[in-house]
Amino acid sequence: MASDPLIAGANGSDDNSDAPQVAALAQYVKDLSVENPSSPQVFQWNEQPQLDVQFNIAVNKVADDVHEVVLKIDASARSAQGVHFVLDLSYAGIFGLRNLPEEQLAPFLLVEAPRLLFPFARQVVASSVQDAGFPPLMLDPIDFAAIYMAQIEQAAQAEGGEQPAGEPTVQ
Protein backbone atom coordinates (compact mmCIF):
# COMPACT_ATOMS: atom_id res chain seq x y z
CA MET A 1 0.00 0.00 0.00
CA ALA A 2 1.78 3.08 -1.24
CA SER A 3 -1.22 5.40 -1.02
CA ASP A 4 0.41 7.77 1.49
CA PRO A 5 2.85 9.94 -0.52
CA LEU A 6 5.03 10.36 2.56
CA ILE A 7 5.38 6.64 3.09
CA ALA A 8 5.74 5.48 -0.49
CA GLY A 9 9.34 4.93 -1.47
CA ALA A 10 10.84 6.55 -4.53
CA ASN A 11 10.53 3.29 -6.46
CA GLY A 12 6.89 2.83 -5.52
CA SER A 13 7.55 0.30 -2.78
CA ASP A 14 6.58 0.72 0.84
CA ASP A 15 9.32 2.17 3.01
CA ASN A 16 8.46 2.59 6.68
CA SER A 17 11.97 3.58 7.77
CA ASP A 18 12.72 6.51 10.01
CA ALA A 19 14.44 8.35 7.17
CA PRO A 20 13.35 11.96 6.63
CA GLN A 21 10.65 12.22 3.98
CA VAL A 22 9.41 15.33 2.21
CA ALA A 23 6.61 15.61 -0.34
CA ALA A 24 4.97 18.53 -2.12
CA LEU A 25 1.32 17.59 -1.80
CA ALA A 26 -0.26 20.58 -3.61
CA GLN A 27 0.43 24.09 -4.83
CA TYR A 28 -2.07 26.77 -5.74
CA VAL A 29 -2.96 30.43 -6.04
CA LYS A 30 -4.40 31.25 -2.64
CA ASP A 31 -5.17 34.87 -3.44
CA LEU A 32 -4.57 37.06 -6.49
CA SER A 33 -5.49 40.67 -7.08
CA VAL A 34 -4.44 42.70 -10.11
CA GLU A 35 -5.49 46.30 -10.45
CA ASN A 36 -5.10 48.65 -13.39
CA PRO A 37 -6.63 51.74 -11.73
CA SER A 38 -5.51 54.34 -14.26
CA SER A 39 -6.75 52.64 -17.39
CA PRO A 40 -7.23 53.59 -20.13
CA GLN A 41 -5.12 56.75 -19.63
CA VAL A 42 -2.11 54.75 -18.40
CA PHE A 43 -1.58 53.37 -21.89
CA GLN A 44 -0.93 56.90 -23.17
CA TRP A 45 1.71 57.74 -20.56
CA ASN A 46 5.31 57.88 -21.77
CA GLU A 47 7.04 58.01 -18.40
CA GLN A 48 8.83 54.86 -17.24
CA PRO A 49 7.27 53.73 -13.94
CA GLN A 50 9.18 52.86 -10.79
CA LEU A 51 8.66 49.25 -9.78
CA ASP A 52 8.32 48.20 -6.16
CA VAL A 53 8.36 44.49 -5.35
CA GLN A 54 8.04 43.11 -1.83
CA PHE A 55 7.69 39.54 -0.64
CA ASN A 56 7.00 37.65 2.55
CA ILE A 57 6.78 34.01 3.61
CA ALA A 58 4.15 32.62 5.96
CA VAL A 59 4.07 29.08 7.32
CA ASN A 60 0.99 27.47 8.82
CA LYS A 61 0.75 24.02 10.35
CA VAL A 62 -2.20 22.28 8.67
CA ALA A 63 -1.95 18.91 10.44
CA ASP A 64 0.68 16.64 11.96
CA ASP A 65 3.55 16.48 9.47
CA VAL A 66 1.75 18.84 7.04
CA HIS A 67 2.53 22.55 6.57
CA GLU A 68 1.26 25.24 4.23
CA VAL A 69 3.92 27.65 2.96
CA VAL A 70 2.61 30.89 1.45
CA LEU A 71 4.83 33.07 -0.70
CA LYS A 72 3.29 36.55 -0.75
CA ILE A 73 4.39 38.89 -3.52
CA ASP A 74 3.29 42.53 -3.76
CA ALA A 75 4.31 44.45 -6.88
CA SER A 76 3.39 47.89 -8.09
CA ALA A 77 4.40 50.28 -10.84
CA ARG A 78 3.98 54.03 -10.28
CA SER A 79 5.09 57.20 -11.98
CA ALA A 80 4.48 60.90 -11.43
CA GLN A 81 1.38 60.53 -13.57
CA GLY A 82 -0.13 57.88 -11.29
CA VAL A 83 -0.43 54.19 -10.57
CA HIS A 84 0.22 51.91 -13.54
CA PHE A 85 -0.66 48.61 -11.84
CA VAL A 86 -0.83 46.92 -8.44
CA LEU A 87 -0.51 43.16 -7.99
CA ASP A 88 -0.92 41.11 -4.81
CA LEU A 89 -0.27 37.37 -5.01
CA SER A 90 -0.34 34.70 -2.32
CA TYR A 91 0.98 31.49 -3.85
CA ALA A 92 0.91 28.49 -1.55
CA GLY A 93 2.11 24.95 -1.30
CA ILE A 94 1.21 22.12 1.04
CA PHE A 95 4.23 20.11 2.13
CA GLY A 96 4.27 16.82 3.97
CA LEU A 97 7.27 16.37 6.25
CA ARG A 98 7.92 13.17 8.13
CA ASN A 99 10.86 12.29 10.37
CA LEU A 100 12.50 15.63 9.67
CA PRO A 101 14.74 16.66 12.58
CA GLU A 102 13.41 19.74 14.38
CA GLU A 103 16.51 21.77 13.48
CA GLN A 104 15.82 21.14 9.76
CA LEU A 105 12.16 22.10 9.86
CA ALA A 106 12.60 25.89 9.66
CA PRO A 107 15.30 25.75 6.95
CA PHE A 108 13.08 23.58 4.79
CA LEU A 109 9.90 25.61 5.30
CA LEU A 110 11.58 29.02 4.98
CA VAL A 111 14.20 28.25 2.30
CA GLU A 112 13.55 25.10 0.29
CA ALA A 113 9.75 25.26 0.10
CA PRO A 114 9.70 28.91 -1.10
CA ARG A 115 12.49 28.08 -3.55
CA LEU A 116 10.30 25.32 -5.00
CA LEU A 117 7.23 27.60 -5.18
CA PHE A 118 8.96 30.68 -6.61
CA PRO A 119 9.15 29.70 -10.32
CA PHE A 120 5.41 29.06 -10.38
CA ALA A 121 4.61 32.28 -8.51
CA ARG A 122 6.94 34.16 -10.89
CA GLN A 123 4.96 32.86 -13.85
CA VAL A 124 1.65 33.90 -12.28
CA VAL A 125 3.04 37.42 -11.71
CA ALA A 126 4.36 37.71 -15.28
CA SER A 127 1.12 36.45 -16.84
CA SER A 128 -1.11 38.57 -14.62
CA VAL A 129 0.76 41.80 -15.34
CA GLN A 130 0.72 40.98 -19.05
CA ASP A 131 -3.02 40.24 -18.89
CA ALA A 132 -3.46 43.72 -17.36
CA GLY A 133 -2.00 45.19 -20.58
CA PHE A 134 1.62 45.71 -19.57
CA PRO A 135 4.85 43.94 -20.50
CA PRO A 136 5.27 40.83 -18.33
CA LEU A 137 7.01 41.49 -15.02
CA MET A 138 9.82 38.94 -14.80
CA LEU A 139 10.94 38.83 -11.18
CA ASP A 140 14.61 38.25 -10.45
CA PRO A 141 15.40 35.04 -8.58
CA ILE A 142 15.31 35.34 -4.79
CA ASP A 143 18.08 33.87 -2.63
CA PHE A 144 15.91 32.52 0.18
CA ALA A 145 18.92 30.92 1.90
CA ALA A 146 20.76 34.25 2.17
CA ILE A 147 17.64 35.94 3.54
CA TYR A 148 17.15 33.13 6.07
CA MET A 149 20.78 33.37 7.22
CA ALA A 150 20.48 37.17 7.53
CA GLN A 151 17.40 36.71 9.73
CA ILE A 152 19.28 34.29 11.97
CA GLU A 153 22.21 36.72 12.22
CA GLN A 154 19.87 39.62 12.95
CA ALA A 155 18.14 37.60 15.67
CA ALA A 156 21.53 36.70 17.18
CA GLN A 157 22.53 40.37 17.29
CA ALA A 158 19.21 41.30 18.86
CA GLU A 159 19.89 38.79 21.64
CA GLY A 160 23.22 40.39 22.41
CA GLY A 161 25.32 38.27 20.10
CA GLU A 162 26.45 35.93 22.89
CA GLN A 163 25.32 32.73 21.21
CA PRO A 164 23.81 32.03 17.83
CA ALA A 165 20.10 32.58 18.01
CA GLY A 166 17.59 29.87 17.43
CA GLU A 167 16.19 29.58 13.98
CA PRO A 168 13.23 31.69 12.92
CA THR A 169 10.10 30.15 14.31
CA VAL A 170 7.66 28.18 12.23
CA GLN A 171 4.04 27.80 13.28
C-alpha atoms as a PDB file:
ATOM      1  CA  MET A   1       0.000   0.000   0.000  1.00  0.00           C
ATOM      2  CA  ALA A   2       1.775   3.081  -1.242  1.00  0.00           C
ATOM      3  CA  SER A   3      -1.224   5.403  -1.024  1.00  0.00           C
ATOM      4  CA  ASP A   4       0.410   7.766   1.486  1.00  0.00           C
ATOM      5  CA  PRO A   5       2.853   9.937  -0.521  1.00  0.00           C
ATOM      6  CA  LEU A   6       5.029  10.363   2.555  1.00  0.00           C
ATOM      7  CA  ILE A   7       5.383   6.642   3.094  1.00  0.00           C
ATOM      8  CA  ALA A   8       5.737   5.478  -0.492  1.00  0.00           C
ATOM      9  CA  GLY A   9       9.342   4.927  -1.470  1.00  0.00           C
ATOM     10  CA  ALA A  10      10.842   6.547  -4.531  1.00  0.00           C
ATOM     11  CA  ASN A  11      10.533   3.288  -6.460  1.00  0.00           C
ATOM     12  CA  GLY A  12       6.887   2.831  -5.518  1.00  0.00           C
ATOM     13  CA  SER A  13       7.548   0.300  -2.777  1.00  0.00           C
ATOM     14  CA  ASP A  14       6.577   0.722   0.837  1.00  0.00           C
ATOM     15  CA  ASP A  15       9.317   2.173   3.011  1.00  0.00           C
ATOM     16  CA  ASN A  16       8.463   2.587   6.680  1.00  0.00           C
ATOM     17  CA  SER A  17      11.970   3.578   7.765  1.00  0.00           C
ATOM     18  CA  ASP A  18      12.724   6.508  10.012  1.00  0.00           C
ATOM     19  CA  ALA A  19      14.443   8.354   7.165  1.00  0.00           C
ATOM     20  CA  PRO A  20      13.347  11.959   6.631  1.00  0.00           C
ATOM     21  CA  GLN A  21      10.647  12.220   3.981  1.00  0.00           C
ATOM     22  CA  VAL A  22       9.407  15.325   2.208  1.00  0.00           C
ATOM     23  CA  ALA A  23       6.608  15.613  -0.339  1.00  0.00           C
ATOM     24  CA  ALA A  24       4.974  18.532  -2.117  1.00  0.00           C
ATOM     25  CA  LEU A  25       1.316  17.595  -1.801  1.00  0.00           C
ATOM     26  CA  ALA A  26      -0.258  20.576  -3.611  1.00  0.00           C
ATOM     27  CA  GLN A  27       0.427  24.086  -4.829  1.00  0.00           C
ATOM     28  CA  TYR A  28      -2.066  26.766  -5.737  1.00  0.00           C
ATOM     29  CA  VAL A  29      -2.957  30.431  -6.037  1.00  0.00           C
ATOM     30  CA  LYS A  30      -4.404  31.250  -2.636  1.00  0.00           C
ATOM     31  CA  ASP A  31      -5.174  34.874  -3.440  1.00  0.00           C
ATOM     32  CA  LEU A  32      -4.575  37.057  -6.489  1.00  0.00           C
ATOM     33  CA  SER A  33      -5.489  40.674  -7.081  1.00  0.00           C
ATOM     34  CA  VAL A  34      -4.441  42.703 -10.112  1.00  0.00           C
ATOM     35  CA  GLU A  35      -5.492  46.304 -10.450  1.00  0.00           C
ATOM     36  CA  ASN A  36      -5.098  48.652 -13.386  1.00  0.00           C
ATOM     37  CA  PRO A  37      -6.631  51.736 -11.729  1.00  0.00           C
ATOM     38  CA  SER A  38      -5.506  54.336 -14.257  1.00  0.00           C
ATOM     39  CA  SER A  39      -6.748  52.636 -17.392  1.00  0.00           C
ATOM     40  CA  PRO A  40      -7.232  53.594 -20.128  1.00  0.00           C
ATOM     41  CA  GLN A  41      -5.124  56.746 -19.626  1.00  0.00           C
ATOM     42  CA  VAL A  42      -2.112  54.750 -18.395  1.00  0.00           C
ATOM     43  CA  PHE A  43      -1.583  53.371 -21.889  1.00  0.00           C
ATOM     44  CA  GLN A  44      -0.933  56.900 -23.171  1.00  0.00           C
ATOM     45  CA  TRP A  45       1.710  57.742 -20.558  1.00  0.00           C
ATOM     46  CA  ASN A  46       5.310  57.876 -21.765  1.00  0.00           C
ATOM     47  CA  GLU A  47       7.037  58.006 -18.397  1.00  0.00           C
ATOM     48  CA  GLN A  48       8.835  54.863 -17.244  1.00  0.00           C
ATOM     49  CA  PRO A  49       7.266  53.728 -13.936  1.00  0.00           C
ATOM     50  CA  GLN A  50       9.177  52.864 -10.789  1.00  0.00           C
ATOM     51  CA  LEU A  51       8.665  49.249  -9.776  1.00  0.00           C
ATOM     52  CA  ASP A  52       8.325  48.204  -6.160  1.00  0.00           C
ATOM     53  CA  VAL A  53       8.362  44.494  -5.349  1.00  0.00           C
ATOM     54  CA  GLN A  54       8.040  43.107  -1.828  1.00  0.00           C
ATOM     55  CA  PHE A  55       7.694  39.537  -0.642  1.00  0.00           C
ATOM     56  CA  ASN A  56       7.004  37.645   2.548  1.00  0.00           C
ATOM     57  CA  ILE A  57       6.779  34.011   3.608  1.00  0.00           C
ATOM     58  CA  ALA A  58       4.154  32.619   5.959  1.00  0.00           C
ATOM     59  CA  VAL A  59       4.066  29.077   7.317  1.00  0.00           C
ATOM     60  CA  ASN A  60       0.985  27.474   8.823  1.00  0.00           C
ATOM     61  CA  LYS A  61       0.751  24.024  10.346  1.00  0.00           C
ATOM     62  CA  VAL A  62      -2.197  22.275   8.671  1.00  0.00           C
ATOM     63  CA  ALA A  63      -1.947  18.913  10.440  1.00  0.00           C
ATOM     64  CA  ASP A  64       0.682  16.644  11.958  1.00  0.00           C
ATOM     65  CA  ASP A  65       3.554  16.477   9.470  1.00  0.00           C
ATOM     66  CA  VAL A  66       1.751  18.835   7.036  1.00  0.00           C
ATOM     67  CA  HIS A  67       2.530  22.549   6.572  1.00  0.00           C
ATOM     68  CA  GLU A  68       1.256  25.237   4.228  1.00  0.00           C
ATOM     69  CA  VAL A  69       3.918  27.650   2.962  1.00  0.00           C
ATOM     70  CA  VAL A  70       2.609  30.890   1.454  1.00  0.00           C
ATOM     71  CA  LEU A  71       4.832  33.067  -0.700  1.00  0.00           C
ATOM     72  CA  LYS A  72       3.285  36.554  -0.752  1.00  0.00           C
ATOM     73  CA  ILE A  73       4.393  38.894  -3.519  1.00  0.00           C
ATOM     74  CA  ASP A  74       3.289  42.532  -3.763  1.00  0.00           C
ATOM     75  CA  ALA A  75       4.307  44.452  -6.876  1.00  0.00           C
ATOM     76  CA  SER A  76       3.385  47.892  -8.091  1.00  0.00           C
ATOM     77  CA  ALA A  77       4.395  50.275 -10.844  1.00  0.00           C
ATOM     78  CA  ARG A  78       3.985  54.027 -10.277  1.00  0.00           C
ATOM     79  CA  SER A  79       5.085  57.203 -11.984  1.00  0.00           C
ATOM     80  CA  ALA A  80       4.478  60.902 -11.427  1.00  0.00           C
ATOM     81  CA  GLN A  81       1.375  60.530 -13.568  1.00  0.00           C
ATOM     82  CA  GLY A  82      -0.134  57.877 -11.293  1.00  0.00           C
ATOM     83  CA  VAL A  83      -0.431  54.189 -10.573  1.00  0.00           C
ATOM     84  CA  HIS A  84       0.220  51.914 -13.542  1.00  0.00           C
ATOM     85  CA  PHE A  85      -0.657  48.611 -11.841  1.00  0.00           C
ATOM     86  CA  VAL A  86      -0.827  46.920  -8.445  1.00  0.00           C
ATOM     87  CA  LEU A  87      -0.512  43.156  -7.991  1.00  0.00           C
ATOM     88  CA  ASP A  88      -0.920  41.112  -4.809  1.00  0.00           C
ATOM     89  CA  LEU A  89      -0.274  37.374  -5.007  1.00  0.00           C
ATOM     90  CA  SER A  90      -0.340  34.701  -2.322  1.00  0.00           C
ATOM     91  CA  TYR A  91       0.982  31.492  -3.850  1.00  0.00           C
ATOM     92  CA  ALA A  92       0.905  28.487  -1.548  1.00  0.00           C
ATOM     93  CA  GLY A  93       2.114  24.948  -1.305  1.00  0.00           C
ATOM     94  CA  ILE A  94       1.208  22.116   1.040  1.00  0.00           C
ATOM     95  CA  PHE A  95       4.235  20.108   2.129  1.00  0.00           C
ATOM     96  CA  GLY A  96       4.269  16.824   3.971  1.00  0.00           C
ATOM     97  CA  LEU A  97       7.274  16.370   6.247  1.00  0.00           C
ATOM     98  CA  ARG A  98       7.918  13.168   8.129  1.00  0.00           C
ATOM     99  CA  ASN A  99      10.862  12.285  10.372  1.00  0.00           C
ATOM    100  CA  LEU A 100      12.499  15.635   9.669  1.00  0.00           C
ATOM    101  CA  PRO A 101      14.743  16.657  12.580  1.00  0.00           C
ATOM    102  CA  GLU A 102      13.408  19.736  14.382  1.00  0.00           C
ATOM    103  CA  GLU A 103      16.514  21.772  13.476  1.00  0.00           C
ATOM    104  CA  GLN A 104      15.824  21.142   9.764  1.00  0.00           C
ATOM    105  CA  LEU A 105      12.156  22.099   9.858  1.00  0.00           C
ATOM    106  CA  ALA A 106      12.599  25.889   9.664  1.00  0.00           C
ATOM    107  CA  PRO A 107      15.301  25.745   6.950  1.00  0.00           C
ATOM    108  CA  PHE A 108      13.078  23.575   4.792  1.00  0.00           C
ATOM    109  CA  LEU A 109       9.904  25.607   5.301  1.00  0.00           C
ATOM    110  CA  LEU A 110      11.584  29.022   4.981  1.00  0.00           C
ATOM    111  CA  VAL A 111      14.199  28.253   2.303  1.00  0.00           C
ATOM    112  CA  GLU A 112      13.546  25.104   0.291  1.00  0.00           C
ATOM    113  CA  ALA A 113       9.752  25.258   0.097  1.00  0.00           C
ATOM    114  CA  PRO A 114       9.697  28.906  -1.102  1.00  0.00           C
ATOM    115  CA  ARG A 115      12.495  28.076  -3.550  1.00  0.00           C
ATOM    116  CA  LEU A 116      10.303  25.323  -5.003  1.00  0.00           C
ATOM    117  CA  LEU A 117       7.233  27.599  -5.181  1.00  0.00           C
ATOM    118  CA  PHE A 118       8.959  30.679  -6.611  1.00  0.00           C
ATOM    119  CA  PRO A 119       9.148  29.697 -10.316  1.00  0.00           C
ATOM    120  CA  PHE A 120       5.412  29.056 -10.382  1.00  0.00           C
ATOM    121  CA  ALA A 121       4.608  32.283  -8.513  1.00  0.00           C
ATOM    122  CA  ARG A 122       6.939  34.159 -10.887  1.00  0.00           C
ATOM    123  CA  GLN A 123       4.963  32.861 -13.854  1.00  0.00           C
ATOM    124  CA  VAL A 124       1.646  33.899 -12.278  1.00  0.00           C
ATOM    125  CA  VAL A 125       3.044  37.422 -11.713  1.00  0.00           C
ATOM    126  CA  ALA A 126       4.362  37.706 -15.283  1.00  0.00           C
ATOM    127  CA  SER A 127       1.120  36.451 -16.841  1.00  0.00           C
ATOM    128  CA  SER A 128      -1.114  38.571 -14.618  1.00  0.00           C
ATOM    129  CA  VAL A 129       0.756  41.801 -15.339  1.00  0.00           C
ATOM    130  CA  GLN A 130       0.717  40.983 -19.047  1.00  0.00           C
ATOM    131  CA  ASP A 131      -3.016  40.241 -18.890  1.00  0.00           C
ATOM    132  CA  ALA A 132      -3.465  43.717 -17.364  1.00  0.00           C
ATOM    133  CA  GLY A 133      -2.004  45.189 -20.578  1.00  0.00           C
ATOM    134  CA  PHE A 134       1.620  45.709 -19.572  1.00  0.00           C
ATOM    135  CA  PRO A 135       4.849  43.935 -20.501  1.00  0.00           C
ATOM    136  CA  PRO A 136       5.270  40.826 -18.335  1.00  0.00           C
ATOM    137  CA  LEU A 137       7.007  41.495 -15.022  1.00  0.00           C
ATOM    138  CA  MET A 138       9.819  38.942 -14.800  1.00  0.00           C
ATOM    139  CA  LEU A 139      10.945  38.831 -11.182  1.00  0.00           C
ATOM    140  CA  ASP A 140      14.613  38.251 -10.454  1.00  0.00           C
ATOM    141  CA  PRO A 141      15.399  35.040  -8.578  1.00  0.00           C
ATOM    142  CA  ILE A 142      15.313  35.344  -4.790  1.00  0.00           C
ATOM    143  CA  ASP A 143      18.080  33.872  -2.631  1.00  0.00           C
ATOM    144  CA  PHE A 144      15.907  32.516   0.176  1.00  0.00           C
ATOM    145  CA  ALA A 145      18.919  30.915   1.898  1.00  0.00           C
ATOM    146  CA  ALA A 146      20.760  34.246   2.169  1.00  0.00           C
ATOM    147  CA  ILE A 147      17.640  35.941   3.541  1.00  0.00           C
ATOM    148  CA  TYR A 148      17.154  33.134   6.072  1.00  0.00           C
ATOM    149  CA  MET A 149      20.782  33.375   7.221  1.00  0.00           C
ATOM    150  CA  ALA A 150      20.478  37.171   7.528  1.00  0.00           C
ATOM    151  CA  GLN A 151      17.399  36.713   9.731  1.00  0.00           C
ATOM    152  CA  ILE A 152      19.284  34.291  11.970  1.00  0.00           C
ATOM    153  CA  GLU A 153      22.206  36.716  12.215  1.00  0.00           C
ATOM    154  CA  GLN A 154      19.869  39.622  12.949  1.00  0.00           C
ATOM    155  CA  ALA A 155      18.135  37.598  15.674  1.00  0.00           C
ATOM    156  CA  ALA A 156      21.525  36.701  17.178  1.00  0.00           C
ATOM    157  CA  GLN A 157      22.530  40.367  17.287  1.00  0.00           C
ATOM    158  CA  ALA A 158      19.206  41.296  18.856  1.00  0.00           C
ATOM    159  CA  GLU A 159      19.889  38.786  21.642  1.00  0.00           C
ATOM    160  CA  GLY A 160      23.225  40.393  22.405  1.00  0.00           C
ATOM    161  CA  GLY A 161      25.323  38.267  20.095  1.00  0.00           C
ATOM    162  CA  GLU A 162      26.454  35.931  22.885  1.00  0.00           C
ATOM    163  CA  GLN A 163      25.320  32.735  21.214  1.00  0.00           C
ATOM    164  CA  PRO A 164      23.811  32.029  17.829  1.00  0.00           C
ATOM    165  CA  ALA A 165      20.102  32.577  18.010  1.00  0.00           C
ATOM    166  CA  GLY A 166      17.594  29.873  17.428  1.00  0.00           C
ATOM    167  CA  GLU A 167      16.191  29.585  13.982  1.00  0.00           C
ATOM    168  CA  PRO A 168      13.226  31.689  12.921  1.00  0.00           C
ATOM    169  CA  THR A 169      10.098  30.152  14.306  1.00  0.00           C
ATOM    170  CA  VAL A 170       7.658  28.182  12.226  1.00  0.00           C
ATOM    171  CA  GLN A 171       4.039  27.802  13.285  1.00  0.00           C
END
